[in-house]
Amino acid sequence: MHDIRLADTDADIASTFGVMVQLRPHLKEDEYVAQVRRQTNESGYRLAFLHDGDAVRAVAGFHISRSLAWGHYVYVDDLISDAKKRSLGYGEALLDWIGRHSKAQGCTELHLDSGVQRHGAHRFYLRNRMNITCYHFELML
């Protein structure tokens, strides 16, 4: 049986590194907890994780905000399941949890971006009733 919860302690945050680094390979383990804490303090970033058995199996970083375009929404910054344990329902369970958690906070929409090369992730999002609604553009400053 799996357990999903917010990573509130430094130990909880640190326990997610091994999965998060699979999505964000540039992260450094010795800086990870401090970076998550900074994002939490600056933008309301939250880290949720799914623990099954003796290990973290999926991790999601998200923040709740408001905008003229989307109203009260949740934006999923990071969503990753452990590559060794994919297709076992962990990602879907975590995405569903974020949806329920955010709806309870008053959110009416869930948004995320996904790199164009992440075809497996795109199939997952489409299977989970998500729509492709826009392009995301970037300008390096």
N, C-alpha and C. Protein backbone atom coordinates (compact mmCIF):
# COMPACT_ATOMS: atom_id res chain seq x y z
N MET A 1 0.85 -1.18 0.00
CA MET A 1 0.00 0.00 0.00
C MET A 1 0.89 1.24 0.00
N HIS A 2 0.53 2.19 -0.84
CA HIS A 2 1.35 3.39 -0.90
C HIS A 2 0.75 4.52 -0.06
N ASP A 3 1.62 5.48 0.24
CA ASP A 3 1.28 6.63 1.06
C ASP A 3 1.72 7.88 0.30
N ILE A 4 0.83 8.86 0.18
CA ILE A 4 1.17 10.13 -0.47
C ILE A 4 1.05 11.23 0.55
N ARG A 5 2.09 12.07 0.62
CA ARG A 5 2.04 13.20 1.55
C ARG A 5 2.96 14.32 1.08
N LEU A 6 2.79 15.47 1.69
CA LEU A 6 3.66 16.60 1.42
C LEU A 6 4.99 16.41 2.16
N ALA A 7 6.06 16.80 1.52
CA ALA A 7 7.39 16.73 2.13
C ALA A 7 7.58 17.99 2.96
N ASP A 8 7.35 17.87 4.25
CA ASP A 8 7.43 19.03 5.14
C ASP A 8 8.75 19.12 5.90
N THR A 9 9.40 18.01 6.11
CA THR A 9 10.66 18.03 6.86
C THR A 9 11.84 17.96 5.89
N ASP A 10 13.01 18.36 6.37
CA ASP A 10 14.21 18.24 5.55
C ASP A 10 14.47 16.79 5.18
N ALA A 11 14.19 15.87 6.10
CA ALA A 11 14.40 14.44 5.81
C ALA A 11 13.45 13.98 4.69
N ASP A 12 12.19 14.43 4.74
CA ASP A 12 11.24 14.09 3.67
C ASP A 12 11.73 14.60 2.33
N ILE A 13 12.14 15.88 2.31
CA ILE A 13 12.63 16.48 1.06
C ILE A 13 13.83 15.71 0.54
N ALA A 14 14.79 15.46 1.40
CA ALA A 14 16.01 14.74 1.00
C ALA A 14 15.68 13.36 0.44
N SER A 15 14.65 12.70 0.99
CA SER A 15 14.30 11.35 0.54
C SER A 15 13.79 11.32 -0.90
N THR A 16 13.39 12.47 -1.44
CA THR A 16 12.85 12.53 -2.80
C THR A 16 13.93 12.75 -3.86
N PHE A 17 15.14 13.05 -3.44
CA PHE A 17 16.18 13.44 -4.39
C PHE A 17 16.45 12.36 -5.45
N GLY A 18 16.55 11.11 -5.05
CA GLY A 18 16.88 10.03 -5.98
C GLY A 18 15.91 9.89 -7.13
N VAL A 19 14.66 10.24 -6.92
CA VAL A 19 13.66 10.21 -8.00
C VAL A 19 13.66 11.54 -8.75
N MET A 20 13.69 12.65 -8.02
CA MET A 20 13.65 13.96 -8.68
C MET A 20 14.82 14.15 -9.63
N VAL A 21 15.99 13.67 -9.28
CA VAL A 21 17.17 13.86 -10.13
C VAL A 21 17.03 13.13 -11.47
N GLN A 22 16.13 12.17 -11.55
CA GLN A 22 15.87 11.50 -12.82
C GLN A 22 15.20 12.45 -13.81
N LEU A 23 14.45 13.40 -13.31
CA LEU A 23 13.82 14.42 -14.16
C LEU A 23 14.70 15.65 -14.29
N ARG A 24 15.38 16.01 -13.23
CA ARG A 24 16.22 17.21 -13.18
C ARG A 24 17.67 16.82 -12.88
N PRO A 25 18.37 16.25 -13.87
CA PRO A 25 19.71 15.72 -13.61
C PRO A 25 20.77 16.76 -13.24
N HIS A 26 20.48 18.03 -13.43
CA HIS A 26 21.42 19.08 -13.07
C HIS A 26 21.46 19.35 -11.56
N LEU A 27 20.49 18.83 -10.82
CA LEU A 27 20.43 19.09 -9.37
C LEU A 27 21.60 18.44 -8.65
N LYS A 28 22.04 19.11 -7.60
CA LYS A 28 23.11 18.60 -6.75
C LYS A 28 22.51 18.21 -5.39
N GLU A 29 22.81 17.01 -4.98
CA GLU A 29 22.20 16.47 -3.76
C GLU A 29 22.47 17.35 -2.55
N ASP A 30 23.68 17.91 -2.43
CA ASP A 30 24.02 18.71 -1.25
C ASP A 30 23.34 20.08 -1.25
N GLU A 31 22.73 20.47 -2.35
CA GLU A 31 22.02 21.76 -2.45
C GLU A 31 20.50 21.60 -2.53
N TYR A 32 20.05 20.37 -2.68
CA TYR A 32 18.65 20.09 -2.99
C TYR A 32 17.66 20.59 -1.93
N VAL A 33 17.88 20.23 -0.70
CA VAL A 33 16.94 20.63 0.36
C VAL A 33 16.85 22.15 0.45
N ALA A 34 17.98 22.82 0.41
CA ALA A 34 17.98 24.29 0.49
C ALA A 34 17.25 24.90 -0.70
N GLN A 35 17.43 24.32 -1.90
CA GLN A 35 16.73 24.83 -3.08
C GLN A 35 15.22 24.67 -2.95
N VAL A 36 14.77 23.52 -2.49
CA VAL A 36 13.33 23.30 -2.29
C VAL A 36 12.80 24.28 -1.25
N ARG A 37 13.53 24.47 -0.17
CA ARG A 37 13.11 25.42 0.87
C ARG A 37 13.02 26.85 0.32
N ARG A 38 13.98 27.27 -0.50
CA ARG A 38 13.94 28.60 -1.13
C ARG A 38 12.69 28.75 -1.98
N GLN A 39 12.43 27.76 -2.82
CA GLN A 39 11.25 27.82 -3.69
C GLN A 39 9.97 27.85 -2.88
N THR A 40 9.94 27.12 -1.79
CA THR A 40 8.76 27.12 -0.92
C THR A 40 8.54 28.51 -0.34
N ASN A 41 9.61 29.13 0.15
CA ASN A 41 9.51 30.45 0.75
C ASN A 41 9.19 31.54 -0.27
N GLU A 42 9.75 31.44 -1.46
CA GLU A 42 9.60 32.50 -2.47
C GLU A 42 8.32 32.39 -3.29
N SER A 43 7.88 31.17 -3.58
CA SER A 43 6.74 31.04 -4.51
C SER A 43 5.66 30.06 -4.06
N GLY A 44 5.77 29.55 -2.85
CA GLY A 44 4.74 28.62 -2.37
C GLY A 44 4.87 27.22 -2.94
N TYR A 45 6.04 26.91 -3.50
CA TYR A 45 6.31 25.58 -4.06
C TYR A 45 6.09 24.53 -2.99
N ARG A 46 5.43 23.45 -3.36
CA ARG A 46 5.24 22.31 -2.45
C ARG A 46 5.74 21.06 -3.14
N LEU A 47 6.24 20.15 -2.36
CA LEU A 47 6.75 18.89 -2.85
C LEU A 47 5.91 17.78 -2.25
N ALA A 48 5.31 16.97 -3.11
CA ALA A 48 4.54 15.81 -2.65
C ALA A 48 5.26 14.56 -3.13
N PHE A 49 5.13 13.49 -2.37
CA PHE A 49 5.78 12.25 -2.78
C PHE A 49 4.94 11.04 -2.43
N LEU A 50 5.11 10.02 -3.24
CA LEU A 50 4.45 8.74 -3.03
C LEU A 50 5.50 7.76 -2.54
N HIS A 51 5.24 7.20 -1.38
CA HIS A 51 6.15 6.25 -0.74
C HIS A 51 5.46 4.89 -0.78
N ASP A 52 6.17 3.88 -1.25
CA ASP A 52 5.62 2.53 -1.30
C ASP A 52 6.69 1.56 -0.82
N GLY A 53 6.32 0.75 0.13
CA GLY A 53 7.32 -0.17 0.69
C GLY A 53 8.39 0.62 1.40
N ASP A 54 9.62 0.45 0.96
CA ASP A 54 10.74 1.11 1.63
C ASP A 54 11.33 2.25 0.82
N ALA A 55 10.60 2.76 -0.20
CA ALA A 55 11.21 3.76 -1.06
C ALA A 55 10.21 4.76 -1.61
N VAL A 56 10.73 5.93 -1.98
CA VAL A 56 9.96 6.93 -2.70
C VAL A 56 9.84 6.44 -4.14
N ARG A 57 8.62 6.42 -4.68
CA ARG A 57 8.39 5.91 -6.03
C ARG A 57 8.00 6.99 -7.03
N ALA A 58 7.48 8.12 -6.53
CA ALA A 58 7.08 9.23 -7.42
C ALA A 58 7.14 10.52 -6.62
N VAL A 59 7.45 11.61 -7.35
CA VAL A 59 7.61 12.93 -6.72
C VAL A 59 6.96 13.97 -7.61
N ALA A 60 6.35 14.97 -6.98
CA ALA A 60 5.76 16.09 -7.74
C ALA A 60 6.01 17.39 -6.98
N GLY A 61 6.47 18.39 -7.72
CA GLY A 61 6.58 19.74 -7.19
C GLY A 61 5.51 20.59 -7.85
N PHE A 62 4.83 21.41 -7.06
CA PHE A 62 3.73 22.21 -7.61
C PHE A 62 3.56 23.48 -6.80
N HIS A 63 2.85 24.43 -7.37
CA HIS A 63 2.47 25.62 -6.61
C HIS A 63 1.06 26.05 -7.01
N ILE A 64 0.38 26.64 -6.07
CA ILE A 64 -0.98 27.13 -6.28
C ILE A 64 -0.91 28.64 -6.42
N SER A 65 -1.63 29.16 -7.40
CA SER A 65 -1.57 30.59 -7.67
C SER A 65 -2.87 31.05 -8.31
N ARG A 66 -2.89 32.31 -8.70
CA ARG A 66 -4.02 32.89 -9.42
C ARG A 66 -3.49 33.67 -10.61
N SER A 67 -4.26 33.68 -11.68
CA SER A 67 -3.91 34.48 -12.84
C SER A 67 -5.18 34.93 -13.55
N LEU A 68 -5.06 35.97 -14.36
CA LEU A 68 -6.21 36.41 -15.15
C LEU A 68 -6.60 35.34 -16.17
N ALA A 69 -5.63 34.63 -16.69
CA ALA A 69 -5.90 33.62 -17.71
C ALA A 69 -6.58 32.38 -17.15
N TRP A 70 -6.11 31.90 -15.99
CA TRP A 70 -6.57 30.61 -15.49
C TRP A 70 -7.36 30.68 -14.19
N GLY A 71 -7.49 31.85 -13.60
CA GLY A 71 -8.18 31.93 -12.31
C GLY A 71 -7.32 31.32 -11.22
N HIS A 72 -7.96 30.58 -10.31
CA HIS A 72 -7.26 29.91 -9.20
C HIS A 72 -6.84 28.53 -9.70
N TYR A 73 -5.54 28.30 -9.80
CA TYR A 73 -5.04 27.09 -10.46
C TYR A 73 -3.86 26.50 -9.71
N VAL A 74 -3.55 25.27 -10.06
CA VAL A 74 -2.33 24.61 -9.60
C VAL A 74 -1.46 24.38 -10.83
N TYR A 75 -0.17 24.67 -10.67
CA TYR A 75 0.79 24.43 -11.73
C TYR A 75 1.77 23.36 -11.24
N VAL A 76 1.87 22.28 -11.98
CA VAL A 76 2.79 21.20 -11.64
C VAL A 76 4.12 21.48 -12.32
N ASP A 77 5.11 21.82 -11.52
CA ASP A 77 6.45 22.13 -12.01
C ASP A 77 7.23 20.87 -12.36
N ASP A 78 7.05 19.84 -11.56
CA ASP A 78 7.82 18.61 -11.67
C ASP A 78 6.90 17.43 -11.38
N LEU A 79 6.97 16.40 -12.20
CA LEU A 79 6.24 15.16 -11.94
C LEU A 79 7.05 14.02 -12.52
N ILE A 80 7.47 13.11 -11.65
CA ILE A 80 8.32 12.01 -12.10
C ILE A 80 8.07 10.77 -11.26
N SER A 81 8.02 9.63 -11.93
CA SER A 81 8.00 8.33 -11.27
C SER A 81 9.37 7.70 -11.43
N ASP A 82 9.78 6.91 -10.46
CA ASP A 82 11.06 6.23 -10.53
C ASP A 82 11.10 5.38 -11.80
N ALA A 83 12.13 5.57 -12.60
CA ALA A 83 12.25 4.87 -13.89
C ALA A 83 12.21 3.35 -13.73
N LYS A 84 12.68 2.84 -12.58
CA LYS A 84 12.69 1.39 -12.35
C LYS A 84 11.32 0.84 -11.98
N LYS A 85 10.36 1.75 -11.71
CA LYS A 85 9.04 1.31 -11.24
C LYS A 85 7.91 1.99 -12.02
N ARG A 86 8.14 2.25 -13.31
CA ARG A 86 7.12 2.91 -14.13
C ARG A 86 5.99 1.94 -14.48
N SER A 87 4.86 2.50 -14.85
CA SER A 87 3.68 1.74 -15.28
C SER A 87 3.09 0.89 -14.17
N LEU A 88 3.27 1.31 -12.93
CA LEU A 88 2.67 0.62 -11.79
C LEU A 88 1.59 1.46 -11.13
N GLY A 89 1.25 2.61 -11.75
CA GLY A 89 0.18 3.46 -11.24
C GLY A 89 0.62 4.54 -10.28
N TYR A 90 1.92 4.65 -10.01
CA TYR A 90 2.39 5.64 -9.05
C TYR A 90 2.19 7.07 -9.56
N GLY A 91 2.54 7.33 -10.80
CA GLY A 91 2.37 8.67 -11.36
C GLY A 91 0.91 9.09 -11.39
N GLU A 92 0.06 8.18 -11.81
CA GLU A 92 -1.38 8.47 -11.85
C GLU A 92 -1.93 8.75 -10.46
N ALA A 93 -1.52 7.96 -9.49
CA ALA A 93 -1.98 8.17 -8.11
C ALA A 93 -1.54 9.54 -7.59
N LEU A 94 -0.30 9.92 -7.89
CA LEU A 94 0.21 11.21 -7.42
C LEU A 94 -0.48 12.36 -8.14
N LEU A 95 -0.68 12.25 -9.45
CA LEU A 95 -1.39 13.29 -10.20
C LEU A 95 -2.83 13.44 -9.69
N ASP A 96 -3.50 12.34 -9.43
CA ASP A 96 -4.86 12.39 -8.87
C ASP A 96 -4.86 13.05 -7.50
N TRP A 97 -3.86 12.73 -6.66
CA TRP A 97 -3.76 13.33 -5.33
C TRP A 97 -3.59 14.85 -5.45
N ILE A 98 -2.72 15.30 -6.36
CA ILE A 98 -2.52 16.74 -6.55
C ILE A 98 -3.83 17.39 -6.97
N GLY A 99 -4.56 16.76 -7.86
CA GLY A 99 -5.86 17.30 -8.29
C GLY A 99 -6.82 17.44 -7.13
N ARG A 100 -6.95 16.40 -6.31
CA ARG A 100 -7.86 16.46 -5.15
C ARG A 100 -7.40 17.51 -4.14
N HIS A 101 -6.10 17.51 -3.84
CA HIS A 101 -5.53 18.47 -2.89
C HIS A 101 -5.79 19.90 -3.36
N SER A 102 -5.55 20.16 -4.63
CA SER A 102 -5.70 21.51 -5.18
C SER A 102 -7.16 21.92 -5.26
N LYS A 103 -8.02 21.01 -5.62
CA LYS A 103 -9.46 21.31 -5.65
C LYS A 103 -9.94 21.69 -4.25
N ALA A 104 -9.44 21.00 -3.23
CA ALA A 104 -9.81 21.32 -1.84
C ALA A 104 -9.31 22.71 -1.45
N GLN A 105 -8.26 23.21 -2.13
CA GLN A 105 -7.74 24.55 -1.89
C GLN A 105 -8.46 25.60 -2.73
N GLY A 106 -9.44 25.19 -3.52
CA GLY A 106 -10.22 26.12 -4.33
C GLY A 106 -9.78 26.23 -5.78
N CYS A 107 -8.81 25.43 -6.20
CA CYS A 107 -8.35 25.49 -7.59
C CYS A 107 -9.40 24.90 -8.53
N THR A 108 -9.47 25.49 -9.71
CA THR A 108 -10.41 24.99 -10.72
C THR A 108 -9.70 24.41 -11.94
N GLU A 109 -8.37 24.59 -12.02
CA GLU A 109 -7.61 24.08 -13.16
C GLU A 109 -6.26 23.57 -12.68
N LEU A 110 -5.75 22.57 -13.42
CA LEU A 110 -4.40 22.04 -13.21
C LEU A 110 -3.65 22.23 -14.52
N HIS A 111 -2.44 22.78 -14.44
CA HIS A 111 -1.61 23.04 -15.62
C HIS A 111 -0.21 22.47 -15.42
N LEU A 112 0.41 22.09 -16.53
CA LEU A 112 1.82 21.70 -16.51
C LEU A 112 2.38 21.84 -17.92
N ASP A 113 3.68 21.97 -18.02
CA ASP A 113 4.40 21.94 -19.29
C ASP A 113 5.20 20.64 -19.32
N SER A 114 5.45 20.16 -20.53
CA SER A 114 6.24 18.96 -20.69
C SER A 114 7.15 19.13 -21.90
N GLY A 115 8.41 18.79 -21.75
CA GLY A 115 9.36 18.92 -22.84
C GLY A 115 8.89 18.16 -24.08
N VAL A 116 9.15 18.72 -25.24
CA VAL A 116 8.65 18.13 -26.49
C VAL A 116 9.22 16.73 -26.74
N GLN A 117 10.35 16.40 -26.13
CA GLN A 117 10.98 15.10 -26.33
C GLN A 117 10.42 14.01 -25.42
N ARG A 118 9.55 14.36 -24.48
CA ARG A 118 9.06 13.41 -23.47
C ARG A 118 7.79 12.70 -23.93
N HIS A 119 7.90 11.91 -24.98
CA HIS A 119 6.75 11.27 -25.60
C HIS A 119 6.00 10.33 -24.65
N GLY A 120 6.72 9.60 -23.83
CA GLY A 120 6.07 8.73 -22.86
C GLY A 120 5.23 9.52 -21.87
N ALA A 121 5.76 10.65 -21.42
CA ALA A 121 5.01 11.51 -20.51
C ALA A 121 3.76 12.05 -21.19
N HIS A 122 3.88 12.41 -22.47
CA HIS A 122 2.72 12.94 -23.19
C HIS A 122 1.62 11.89 -23.29
N ARG A 123 1.98 10.64 -23.58
CA ARG A 123 0.98 9.57 -23.61
C ARG A 123 0.31 9.44 -22.24
N PHE A 124 1.10 9.52 -21.18
CA PHE A 124 0.56 9.45 -19.82
C PHE A 124 -0.44 10.57 -19.56
N TYR A 125 -0.08 11.81 -19.91
CA TYR A 125 -0.98 12.95 -19.67
C TYR A 125 -2.26 12.81 -20.47
N LEU A 126 -2.17 12.41 -21.71
CA LEU A 126 -3.37 12.25 -22.54
C LEU A 126 -4.26 11.13 -21.98
N ARG A 127 -3.66 10.03 -21.53
CA ARG A 127 -4.43 8.94 -20.90
C ARG A 127 -5.14 9.42 -19.65
N ASN A 128 -4.58 10.43 -18.99
CA ASN A 128 -5.16 10.94 -17.75
C ASN A 128 -6.02 12.18 -17.97
N ARG A 129 -6.66 12.24 -19.12
CA ARG A 129 -7.70 13.23 -19.45
C ARG A 129 -7.18 14.66 -19.58
N MET A 130 -5.88 14.83 -19.80
CA MET A 130 -5.33 16.17 -19.98
C MET A 130 -5.36 16.52 -21.47
N ASN A 131 -5.51 17.80 -21.75
CA ASN A 131 -5.54 18.30 -23.12
C ASN A 131 -4.31 19.13 -23.41
N ILE A 132 -3.86 19.11 -24.65
CA ILE A 132 -2.80 19.99 -25.10
C ILE A 132 -3.47 21.30 -25.49
N THR A 133 -3.19 22.38 -24.75
CA THR A 133 -3.95 23.62 -24.94
C THR A 133 -3.12 24.81 -25.41
N CYS A 134 -1.79 24.69 -25.43
CA CYS A 134 -0.98 25.84 -25.86
C CYS A 134 0.45 25.40 -26.14
N TYR A 135 1.19 26.31 -26.71
CA TYR A 135 2.64 26.16 -26.84
C TYR A 135 3.28 27.01 -25.76
N HIS A 136 4.43 26.60 -25.31
CA HIS A 136 5.18 27.37 -24.32
C HIS A 136 6.42 27.91 -25.03
N PHE A 137 6.66 29.21 -24.90
CA PHE A 137 7.80 29.84 -25.54
C PHE A 137 8.79 30.30 -24.48
N GLU A 138 10.07 30.35 -24.86
CA GLU A 138 11.14 30.69 -23.93
C GLU A 138 12.09 31.68 -24.58
N LEU A 139 12.57 32.62 -23.80
CA LEU A 139 13.61 33.56 -24.22
C LEU A 139 14.65 33.60 -23.11
N MET A 140 15.85 33.20 -23.41
CA MET A 140 16.92 33.22 -22.41
C MET A 140 17.37 34.67 -22.22
N LEU A 141 17.46 35.13 -20.98
CA LEU A 141 17.87 36.50 -20.66
C LEU A 141 19.27 36.55 -20.07
